[in-house]
């Protein structure tokens, strides 16, 4: 008579253990706030480039689909092409055809060779802002982040090299449309919030000024795992 009671008790105990796991909220939920609020959420800290080497960030790796023959750069170009394009995966994933919009400088590009894939927050700037304390694996994840659409962006090589490793206190997109600066500031701030990176005084001041002119701009970010 006791055996069925023991079985029932075990099942009930198991149910008590499993139920909370089934209803637990996600650990890293996405959040959307206005740009000014997002800027205020950024931690403030002095920056230091001591010890920085570009090779501290492994890129480009095999991307989100290691079996497709494309590295992260090529996968970003494939995903951001505005018009149809072809990928010769058997020969190093060289891209033919297609058309891209470089929003930094409001320019259409029809050859993948004319594009750079820009880290929204440059690797050196990420190092200055907190990545120097990360593990190599975490830095690799940052350098190849395709889980957030705004972490990596295809732009003209000219505009990317003009930007170099500068933060918004030193460089903003040259496109004349004010909406471009709003978008850029939103994506910059969202990337820093996603990865827990800090800003310095000058950077925060410029971002606050930009935010004043972008009252309708929203920042959506999800903390990186």
Foldseek 3Di string as FASTA:
>chain_A
DCVVVVVVVVVVVVCVVVVVVVPPDDPWDKDKDALLVLLVPFAADFFDLPPDDPVLADDFACAPDVPQQETLFLVLCCVQFPDDWDFPSVPNRAIAFTWHAALLARDIDTHLVQKDWAQLQHLSNQCRFPCVPPDSVVSNCQVRPPVDVLRIDIHGPVQRVVCPNPAVLVDGRPHPDLVRRLVSLLSSSQSCVQASTHDYDSRSVSSNVSSVVVVPRMHMHIHDD
